């Protein structure tokens, strides 16, 4: 993340922000500055950056009203904004030394400006002076303990140091202080994905996209994912649990790769972005398939497919033909997942359920053939594979499975 973007965000945020007149001190140590718009016997509502936040009174330690002349506050804010706008012109030219000079001059006049300290921190970080940037962020937080910009730069600094856990923590603080901080959600998503917390990362990217009123974030995220895919390692890993002492048992391989995992990010991002209101069973089918086929996450895939099945069963609006088709697919996929988890009884149950909806489903029949082979019922397995070849004479899996059973 370049400092140019940080500066632009700071300028826009301050321009639309409200003048801080009230400060809520929370019992957890955080503070929120804004304008209280409603206060009752049980809760307080405060306008912060055009977002109304609600806090229960039992969460609040105290509330203070700033008695300083609000006109003076506005004058100071406007002056700081002018300083940052001036600095932004030099950022465009790549003159970071000049940007630093302007920030330091501004701090001589406004030494308690958290925004100026956070901006100086961002500029310093962009020059590779990480520890110095962290020092300036802490300085900003000493003047405003809920300075979203300072937490954001601390998140970037932690990421540069390779401490993604700490980066996640700082980005979370940033969006807690400013729930509309689009860039913080974006970088929080990157940190989650670097920790292989893919769904959490996608959720942050969806949030960033939804907050973006200009519409540029979606393209930015898609470009980020495509860069991941292009740079992904081509090496593949085959998930296939077999027993070398029983070579007649043939399990279908599940091929995984870094590229395949990154491709799943784009699928999940688009799937979640399209959801309007309450997700339906198709949403969970898609997520189940993404986690199973693309990531090899059997438990997550199982969870999503069970949710899809529950919602499908209770769906009264779907045409019976479509319902049968979807029921077949869900049970087949559940059977495949249980098969790879080596939970053969549950796999068998789901393959039978799938075949109730479509008796010509060769994938489910092959799954049953595997289950019977594992159970040692070789005659039944051969019968099943024979049915597969009747339906699909070119099934290489059935042919190979029968070859392995020749002497059994």
Protein backbone atom coordinates (compact mmCIF):
# COMPACT_ATOMS: atom_id res chain seq x y z
CA UNK A 1 0.00 0.00 0.00
CA UNK A 2 1.62 3.28 -1.11
CA UNK A 3 1.49 6.34 1.13
CA UNK A 4 -0.15 8.26 -1.69
CA UNK A 5 -3.35 6.32 -1.08
CA UNK A 6 -3.10 6.83 2.69
CA UNK A 7 -2.83 10.60 2.30
CA UNK A 8 -5.74 10.80 -0.09
CA UNK A 9 -7.91 8.76 2.27
CA UNK A 10 -6.97 10.95 5.26
CA UNK A 11 -7.91 14.09 3.35
CA UNK A 12 -11.27 12.73 2.23
CA UNK A 13 -12.07 11.32 5.65
CA UNK A 14 -11.37 14.58 7.45
CA UNK A 15 -13.26 16.59 4.86
CA UNK A 16 -16.51 14.69 5.42
CA UNK A 17 -15.97 14.01 9.12
CA UNK A 18 -17.82 15.74 11.93
CA UNK A 19 -16.25 18.17 14.36
CA UNK A 20 -15.38 16.26 17.53
CA UNK A 21 -17.46 17.75 20.31
CA UNK A 22 -18.09 14.73 22.57
CA UNK A 23 -15.79 11.98 23.74
CA UNK A 24 -17.02 8.59 24.99
CA UNK A 25 -14.50 6.75 27.18
CA UNK A 26 -15.24 3.02 27.08
CA UNK A 27 -14.44 0.60 29.89
CA UNK A 28 -12.26 -1.46 27.50
CA UNK A 29 -9.89 1.50 27.19
CA UNK A 30 -11.03 2.75 23.77
CA UNK A 31 -12.39 6.23 23.10
CA UNK A 32 -14.80 7.48 20.47
CA UNK A 33 -14.95 11.15 19.47
CA UNK A 34 -17.87 12.64 17.61
CA UNK A 35 -21.24 14.24 18.26
CA UNK A 36 -23.80 12.57 20.49
CA UNK A 37 -27.12 12.49 18.63
CA UNK A 38 -29.21 10.52 21.13
CA UNK A 39 -28.90 9.63 24.81
CA UNK A 40 -31.29 7.46 26.84
CA UNK A 41 -31.25 5.65 30.19
CA UNK A 42 -29.75 2.56 28.54
CA UNK A 43 -27.67 3.65 25.53
CA UNK A 44 -25.91 6.51 23.73
CA UNK A 45 -25.74 7.12 19.98
CA UNK A 46 -22.79 9.09 18.60
CA UNK A 47 -22.19 10.32 15.05
CA UNK A 48 -18.67 9.33 14.02
CA UNK A 49 -17.52 10.03 10.42
CA UNK A 50 -21.15 10.07 9.24
CA UNK A 51 -21.75 6.68 10.87
CA UNK A 52 -24.04 6.41 13.90
CA UNK A 53 -22.60 4.10 16.55
CA UNK A 54 -24.56 2.81 19.54
CA UNK A 55 -23.00 2.07 22.93
CA UNK A 56 -24.77 0.66 26.00
CA UNK A 57 -24.27 2.66 29.19
CA UNK A 58 -22.74 -0.35 30.96
CA UNK A 59 -19.95 -0.26 28.33
CA UNK A 60 -19.15 3.40 29.05
CA UNK A 61 -16.85 4.68 31.76
CA UNK A 62 -17.60 8.37 31.21
CA UNK A 63 -18.61 10.95 28.60
CA UNK A 64 -16.94 14.33 28.22
CA UNK A 65 -18.06 17.32 26.18
CA UNK A 66 -15.31 19.43 24.64
CA UNK A 67 -15.92 23.01 25.75
CA UNK A 68 -13.31 24.40 23.35
CA UNK A 69 -14.67 26.89 20.86
CA UNK A 70 -15.89 24.71 17.97
CA UNK A 71 -14.97 27.41 15.48
CA UNK A 72 -11.35 27.10 16.60
CA UNK A 73 -11.50 23.31 16.18
CA UNK A 74 -12.82 23.71 12.66
CA UNK A 75 -10.14 26.26 11.87
CA UNK A 76 -7.44 23.88 13.10
CA UNK A 77 -8.92 20.99 11.17
CA UNK A 78 -9.14 23.03 7.99
CA UNK A 79 -5.55 24.18 8.42
CA UNK A 80 -4.33 20.60 8.93
CA UNK A 81 -6.26 19.58 5.82
CA UNK A 82 -4.56 22.31 3.83
CA UNK A 83 -1.19 21.04 5.04
CA UNK A 84 -2.05 17.49 3.95
CA UNK A 85 -3.37 18.66 0.59
CA UNK A 86 -0.13 20.53 0.03
CA UNK A 87 1.83 17.39 0.96
CA UNK A 88 -0.30 15.30 -1.41
CA UNK A 89 0.88 17.38 -4.37
CA UNK A 90 4.47 16.33 -3.65
CA UNK A 91 3.46 12.71 -3.20
CA UNK A 92 2.18 12.79 -6.77
CA UNK A 93 5.68 13.90 -7.80
CA UNK A 94 7.36 11.24 -5.65
CA UNK A 95 9.10 13.88 -3.50
CA UNK A 96 8.75 12.12 -0.15
CA UNK A 97 11.44 14.25 1.50
CA UNK A 98 9.34 17.32 0.78
CA UNK A 99 6.26 15.57 2.17
CA UNK A 100 8.13 14.86 5.40
CA UNK A 101 9.28 18.47 5.62
CA UNK A 102 5.70 19.73 5.25
CA UNK A 103 4.40 17.32 7.91
CA UNK A 104 7.13 18.31 10.37
CA UNK A 105 6.47 22.01 9.78
CA UNK A 106 2.79 21.38 10.39
CA UNK A 107 3.56 19.60 13.65
CA UNK A 108 5.46 22.66 14.87
CA UNK A 109 2.19 24.56 14.65
CA UNK A 110 -0.10 21.68 15.69
CA UNK A 111 2.03 19.34 17.84
CA UNK A 112 -1.06 17.55 19.16
CA UNK A 113 -2.50 16.67 15.73
CA UNK A 114 -2.94 12.88 15.58
CA UNK A 115 -3.63 13.16 11.85
CA UNK A 116 -0.32 14.86 11.16
CA UNK A 117 1.58 12.32 13.25
CA UNK A 118 -0.19 9.45 11.47
CA UNK A 119 0.53 11.04 8.08
CA UNK A 120 4.20 11.48 8.97
CA UNK A 121 4.23 7.82 10.06
CA UNK A 122 2.81 6.73 6.71
CA UNK A 123 5.33 8.78 4.77
CA UNK A 124 8.16 7.41 6.91
CA UNK A 125 6.94 3.84 6.39
CA UNK A 126 6.88 4.40 2.64
CA UNK A 127 10.60 5.22 2.87
CA UNK A 128 11.31 1.93 4.66
CA UNK A 129 11.85 3.42 8.13
CA UNK A 130 9.52 0.98 9.86
CA UNK A 131 10.51 1.47 13.51
CA UNK A 132 10.35 5.24 13.13
CA UNK A 133 6.88 4.96 11.58
CA UNK A 134 5.72 2.86 14.54
CA UNK A 135 7.05 5.53 16.92
CA UNK A 136 5.05 8.24 15.14
CA UNK A 137 1.89 6.11 15.16
CA UNK A 138 2.20 5.67 18.91
CA UNK A 139 2.63 9.43 19.18
CA UNK A 140 -0.60 9.92 17.21
CA UNK A 141 -2.42 7.49 19.48
CA UNK A 142 -1.25 9.37 22.55
CA UNK A 143 -3.30 12.35 21.30
CA UNK A 144 -6.21 10.30 19.94
CA UNK A 145 -6.48 6.74 21.21
CA UNK A 146 -8.96 5.94 18.45
CA UNK A 147 -6.98 7.29 15.51
CA UNK A 148 -7.91 4.91 12.70
CA UNK A 149 -5.12 6.19 10.44
CA UNK A 150 -2.46 5.41 13.06
CA UNK A 151 -3.74 1.87 13.57
CA UNK A 152 -3.85 1.43 9.80
CA UNK A 153 -0.19 2.42 9.38
CA UNK A 154 0.73 0.17 12.34
CA UNK A 155 -0.99 -2.68 10.50
CA UNK A 156 1.04 -1.99 7.37
CA UNK A 157 4.23 -1.78 9.43
CA UNK A 158 3.52 -5.10 11.14
CA UNK A 159 2.85 -6.71 7.77
CA UNK A 160 6.17 -5.40 6.42
CA UNK A 161 7.86 -6.99 9.43
CA UNK A 162 6.21 -10.30 8.59
CA UNK A 163 3.98 -10.31 11.67
CA UNK A 164 0.59 -10.85 10.06
CA UNK A 165 -1.08 -11.73 13.37
CA UNK A 166 -0.19 -8.31 14.73
CA UNK A 167 -1.15 -6.70 11.42
CA UNK A 168 -4.60 -8.28 11.70
CA UNK A 169 -4.95 -6.92 15.22
CA UNK A 170 -4.02 -3.37 14.16
CA UNK A 171 -6.27 -3.37 11.09
CA UNK A 172 -9.12 -4.58 13.30
CA UNK A 173 -8.50 -1.63 15.63
CA UNK A 174 -8.58 0.68 12.61
CA UNK A 175 -12.00 -0.50 11.43
CA UNK A 176 -13.29 -0.47 15.01
CA UNK A 177 -12.37 3.22 15.24
CA UNK A 178 -13.70 3.90 11.76
CA UNK A 179 -16.22 1.29 10.48
CA UNK A 180 -16.16 2.95 7.04
CA UNK A 181 -12.38 2.60 6.50
CA UNK A 182 -12.38 0.82 3.13
CA UNK A 183 -8.60 0.50 2.78
CA UNK A 184 -8.24 -1.04 6.23
CA UNK A 185 -10.75 -3.75 5.32
CA UNK A 186 -8.84 -4.38 2.09
CA UNK A 187 -5.48 -4.82 3.83
CA UNK A 188 -7.08 -6.81 6.63
CA UNK A 189 -8.28 -9.19 3.93
CA UNK A 190 -4.75 -9.56 2.56
CA UNK A 191 -3.39 -10.35 6.02
CA UNK A 192 -6.06 -12.98 6.63
CA UNK A 193 -5.31 -14.65 3.29
CA UNK A 194 -1.58 -14.67 4.03
CA UNK A 195 -2.49 -16.68 7.17
CA UNK A 196 -4.56 -19.06 4.97
CA UNK A 197 -7.78 -17.79 6.57
CA UNK A 198 -9.35 -17.54 3.15
CA UNK A 199 -13.03 -17.08 3.99
CA UNK A 200 -12.24 -14.44 6.61
CA UNK A 201 -10.16 -12.56 4.05
CA UNK A 202 -12.90 -12.71 1.44
CA UNK A 203 -15.42 -11.40 3.99
CA UNK A 204 -13.22 -8.34 4.56
CA UNK A 205 -12.89 -7.76 0.81
CA UNK A 206 -16.65 -7.98 0.35
CA UNK A 207 -17.05 -5.43 3.16
CA UNK A 208 -14.52 -3.12 1.49
CA UNK A 209 -16.35 -3.41 -1.82
CA UNK A 210 -19.71 -2.66 -0.26
CA UNK A 211 -18.32 0.44 1.45
CA UNK A 212 -16.69 1.78 -1.71
CA UNK A 213 -19.00 4.39 -3.20
CA UNK A 214 -16.73 5.04 -6.19
CA UNK A 215 -16.75 1.41 -7.33
CA UNK A 216 -13.00 0.98 -7.83
CA UNK A 217 -12.41 -1.55 -5.03
CA UNK A 218 -14.00 -4.51 -6.83
CA UNK A 219 -11.62 -4.20 -9.78
CA UNK A 220 -8.68 -3.69 -7.42
CA UNK A 221 -9.51 -6.90 -5.51
CA UNK A 222 -9.99 -8.90 -8.71
CA UNK A 223 -6.58 -7.67 -9.93
CA UNK A 224 -5.04 -8.67 -6.60
CA UNK A 225 -6.49 -12.19 -6.84
CA UNK A 226 -5.42 -12.55 -10.48
CA UNK A 227 -1.88 -11.55 -9.46
CA UNK A 228 -1.96 -14.28 -6.81
CA UNK A 229 -3.07 -16.79 -9.46
CA UNK A 230 -0.38 -15.74 -11.94
CA UNK A 231 2.38 -15.98 -9.32
CA UNK A 232 1.12 -19.22 -7.78
CA UNK A 233 3.38 -22.24 -7.60
CA UNK A 234 2.55 -24.77 -10.36
CA UNK A 235 3.39 -27.74 -8.11
CA UNK A 236 0.47 -30.02 -7.28
CA UNK A 237 -0.43 -32.19 -4.33
CA UNK A 238 -2.72 -35.20 -4.62
CA UNK A 239 -4.99 -35.88 -1.68
CA UNK A 240 -5.52 -39.64 -1.86
CA UNK A 241 -5.49 -41.76 1.28
CA UNK A 242 -4.71 -45.34 0.29
CA UNK A 243 -3.54 -48.48 2.05
CA UNK A 244 -0.53 -49.97 0.26
CA UNK A 245 -1.44 -53.36 1.74
CA UNK A 246 -4.78 -53.23 -0.11
CA UNK A 247 -3.95 -52.21 -3.70
CA UNK A 248 -7.38 -53.31 -4.92
CA UNK A 249 -8.96 -50.29 -3.23
CA UNK A 250 -9.03 -47.37 -5.65
CA UNK A 251 -9.88 -43.96 -4.18
CA UNK A 252 -10.55 -41.00 -6.52
CA UNK A 253 -7.68 -38.49 -6.27
CA UNK A 254 -8.33 -34.89 -5.26
CA UNK A 255 -5.75 -32.65 -6.89
CA UNK A 256 -4.72 -29.54 -4.98
CA UNK A 257 -2.38 -26.69 -5.86
CA UNK A 258 -1.62 -23.16 -4.76
CA UNK A 259 -3.08 -21.93 -8.04
CA UNK A 260 -6.29 -23.84 -7.45
CA UNK A 261 -6.60 -22.36 -3.96
CA UNK A 262 -6.15 -18.81 -5.29
CA UNK A 263 -8.70 -19.48 -8.02
CA UNK A 264 -11.12 -20.35 -5.23
CA UNK A 265 -10.69 -16.85 -3.80
CA UNK A 266 -12.16 -15.29 -6.93
CA UNK A 267 -15.05 -17.77 -6.92
CA UNK A 268 -15.85 -17.14 -3.26
CA UNK A 269 -15.51 -13.36 -3.65
CA UNK A 270 -17.96 -13.26 -6.56
CA UNK A 271 -20.34 -15.67 -4.82
CA UNK A 272 -20.51 -13.60 -1.64
CA UNK A 273 -20.64 -10.29 -3.51
CA UNK A 274 -23.79 -11.37 -5.36
CA UNK A 275 -25.72 -12.17 -2.21
CA UNK A 276 -28.54 -9.75 -1.50
CA UNK A 277 -30.29 -10.44 1.77
CA UNK A 278 -30.37 -13.95 3.26
CA UNK A 279 -28.18 -16.55 1.46
CA UNK A 280 -30.04 -19.42 -0.21
CA UNK A 281 -29.11 -23.10 -0.62
CA UNK A 282 -27.29 -22.42 -3.92
CA UNK A 283 -24.93 -20.08 -2.04
CA UNK A 284 -24.01 -22.86 0.39
CA UNK A 285 -23.66 -25.40 -2.42
CA UNK A 286 -21.15 -23.10 -4.11
CA UNK A 287 -19.19 -22.50 -0.90
CA UNK A 288 -19.20 -26.22 -0.09
CA UNK A 289 -17.80 -27.05 -3.51
CA UNK A 290 -15.21 -24.28 -3.26
CA UNK A 291 -13.90 -25.49 0.10
CA UNK A 292 -13.90 -29.18 -0.89
CA UNK A 293 -12.76 -29.22 -4.53
CA UNK A 294 -10.47 -26.19 -4.51
CA UNK A 295 -9.02 -26.17 -0.96
CA UNK A 296 -9.33 -29.73 0.29
CA UNK A 297 -11.04 -28.40 3.41
CA UNK A 298 -13.32 -31.37 4.04
CA UNK A 299 -14.78 -30.14 7.34
CA UNK A 300 -15.69 -26.71 5.97
CA UNK A 301 -17.08 -28.25 2.79
CA UNK A 302 -19.15 -30.66 4.88
CA UNK A 303 -20.53 -27.83 7.00
CA UNK A 304 -21.59 -25.79 3.97
CA UNK A 305 -23.17 -28.76 2.16
CA UNK A 306 -25.17 -29.77 5.24
CA UNK A 307 -26.50 -26.22 5.42
CA UNK A 308 -27.39 -26.36 1.72
CA UNK A 309 -29.28 -29.65 2.20
CA UNK A 310 -31.21 -28.31 5.19
CA UNK A 311 -32.30 -25.21 3.26
CA UNK A 312 -33.17 -27.25 0.15
CA UNK A 313 -35.39 -29.63 2.13
CA UNK A 314 -37.35 -26.67 3.50
CA UNK A 315 -37.64 -24.92 0.13
CA UNK A 316 -41.30 -25.01 -0.94
CA UNK A 317 -40.95 -22.85 -4.04
CA UNK A 318 -38.52 -24.90 -6.12
CA UNK A 319 -39.90 -27.06 -8.96
CA UNK A 320 -39.74 -30.77 -8.14
CA UNK A 321 -37.46 -31.55 -11.07
CA UNK A 322 -34.94 -28.92 -9.98
CA UNK A 323 -35.22 -30.04 -6.38
CA UNK A 324 -34.41 -33.65 -7.36
CA UNK A 325 -31.40 -32.50 -9.36
CA UNK A 326 -30.01 -30.39 -6.53
CA UNK A 327 -30.72 -33.10 -3.95
CA UNK A 328 -28.75 -35.59 -6.04
CA UNK A 329 -25.79 -33.23 -6.34
CA UNK A 330 -25.66 -32.39 -2.62
CA UNK A 331 -25.83 -36.02 -1.49
CA UNK A 332 -23.22 -37.03 -4.07
CA UNK A 333 -20.86 -34.32 -2.88
CA UNK A 334 -21.50 -35.27 0.75
CA UNK A 335 -20.68 -38.86 -0.17
CA UNK A 336 -17.41 -37.78 -1.80
CA UNK A 337 -16.41 -35.71 1.23
CA UNK A 338 -17.16 -38.54 3.66
CA UNK A 339 -15.25 -40.90 1.37
CA UNK A 340 -12.12 -38.74 1.55
CA UNK A 341 -12.60 -38.48 5.31
CA UNK A 342 -12.67 -42.31 5.32
CA UNK A 343 -16.10 -42.27 6.96
CA UNK A 344 -17.44 -45.03 4.72
CA UNK A 345 -20.82 -45.69 6.38
CA UNK A 346 -21.84 -42.04 5.99
CA UNK A 347 -20.48 -42.03 2.45
CA UNK A 348 -22.62 -45.08 1.59
CA UNK A 349 -25.75 -43.49 3.06
CA UNK A 350 -25.34 -40.33 0.99
CA UNK A 351 -24.55 -42.17 -2.25
CA UNK A 352 -27.78 -44.19 -1.81
CA UNK A 353 -29.70 -40.94 -1.22
CA UNK A 354 -28.15 -39.43 -4.35
CA UNK A 355 -29.20 -42.45 -6.41
CA UNK A 356 -32.80 -42.10 -5.20
CA UNK A 357 -32.87 -38.79 -7.09
CA UNK A 358 -30.96 -40.08 -10.12
CA UNK A 359 -30.38 -43.82 -10.53
CA UNK A 360 -28.09 -43.18 -13.53
CA UNK A 361 -25.60 -41.10 -11.53
CA UNK A 362 -22.32 -42.85 -12.37
CA UNK A 363 -20.32 -40.75 -9.92
CA UNK A 364 -22.42 -41.95 -6.99
CA UNK A 365 -22.30 -45.52 -8.29
CA UNK A 366 -18.49 -45.37 -8.41
CA UNK A 367 -18.54 -44.06 -4.85
CA UNK A 368 -20.65 -47.03 -3.77
CA UNK A 369 -18.27 -49.36 -5.59
CA UNK A 370 -15.40 -47.98 -3.50
CA UNK A 371 -17.39 -48.40 -0.26
CA UNK A 372 -18.21 -52.03 -1.04
CA UNK A 373 -14.60 -52.72 -1.95
CA UNK A 374 -13.42 -51.29 1.38
CA UNK A 375 -16.02 -53.42 3.20
CA UNK A 376 -14.75 -56.51 1.39
CA UNK A 377 -18.00 -57.13 -0.50
CA UNK A 378 -16.18 -57.63 -3.80
CA UNK A 379 -19.11 -59.24 -5.66
CA UNK A 380 -21.31 -56.25 -4.89
CA UNK A 381 -18.50 -53.90 -5.92
CA UNK A 382 -18.09 -55.70 -9.27
CA UNK A 383 -21.85 -55.50 -9.81
CA UNK A 384 -21.84 -51.76 -9.17
CA UNK A 385 -18.89 -51.12 -11.52
CA UNK A 386 -20.66 -53.22 -14.15
CA UNK A 387 -23.64 -50.88 -13.93
CA UNK A 388 -21.31 -47.92 -14.38
CA UNK A 389 -19.87 -49.42 -17.57
CA UNK A 390 -23.38 -50.16 -18.87
CA UNK A 391 -24.15 -46.45 -18.49
CA UNK A 392 -20.72 -45.22 -19.51
CA UNK A 393 -18.61 -47.81 -21.38
CA UNK A 394 -15.64 -45.39 -21.42
CA UNK A 395 -15.42 -44.94 -17.63
CA UNK A 396 -11.69 -45.35 -17.00
CA UNK A 397 -12.26 -45.33 -13.23
CA UNK A 398 -14.68 -48.28 -13.36
CA UNK A 399 -12.38 -50.15 -15.74
CA UNK A 400 -9.38 -49.70 -13.45
CA UNK A 401 -11.40 -50.59 -10.34
CA UNK A 402 -12.57 -53.85 -11.95
CA UNK A 403 -9.02 -54.69 -13.06
CA UNK A 404 -7.86 -54.37 -9.46
CA UNK A 405 -10.65 -56.72 -8.37
CA UNK A 406 -9.83 -59.49 -10.87
CA UNK A 407 -8.21 -61.76 -8.29
CA UNK A 408 -10.55 -60.98 -5.41
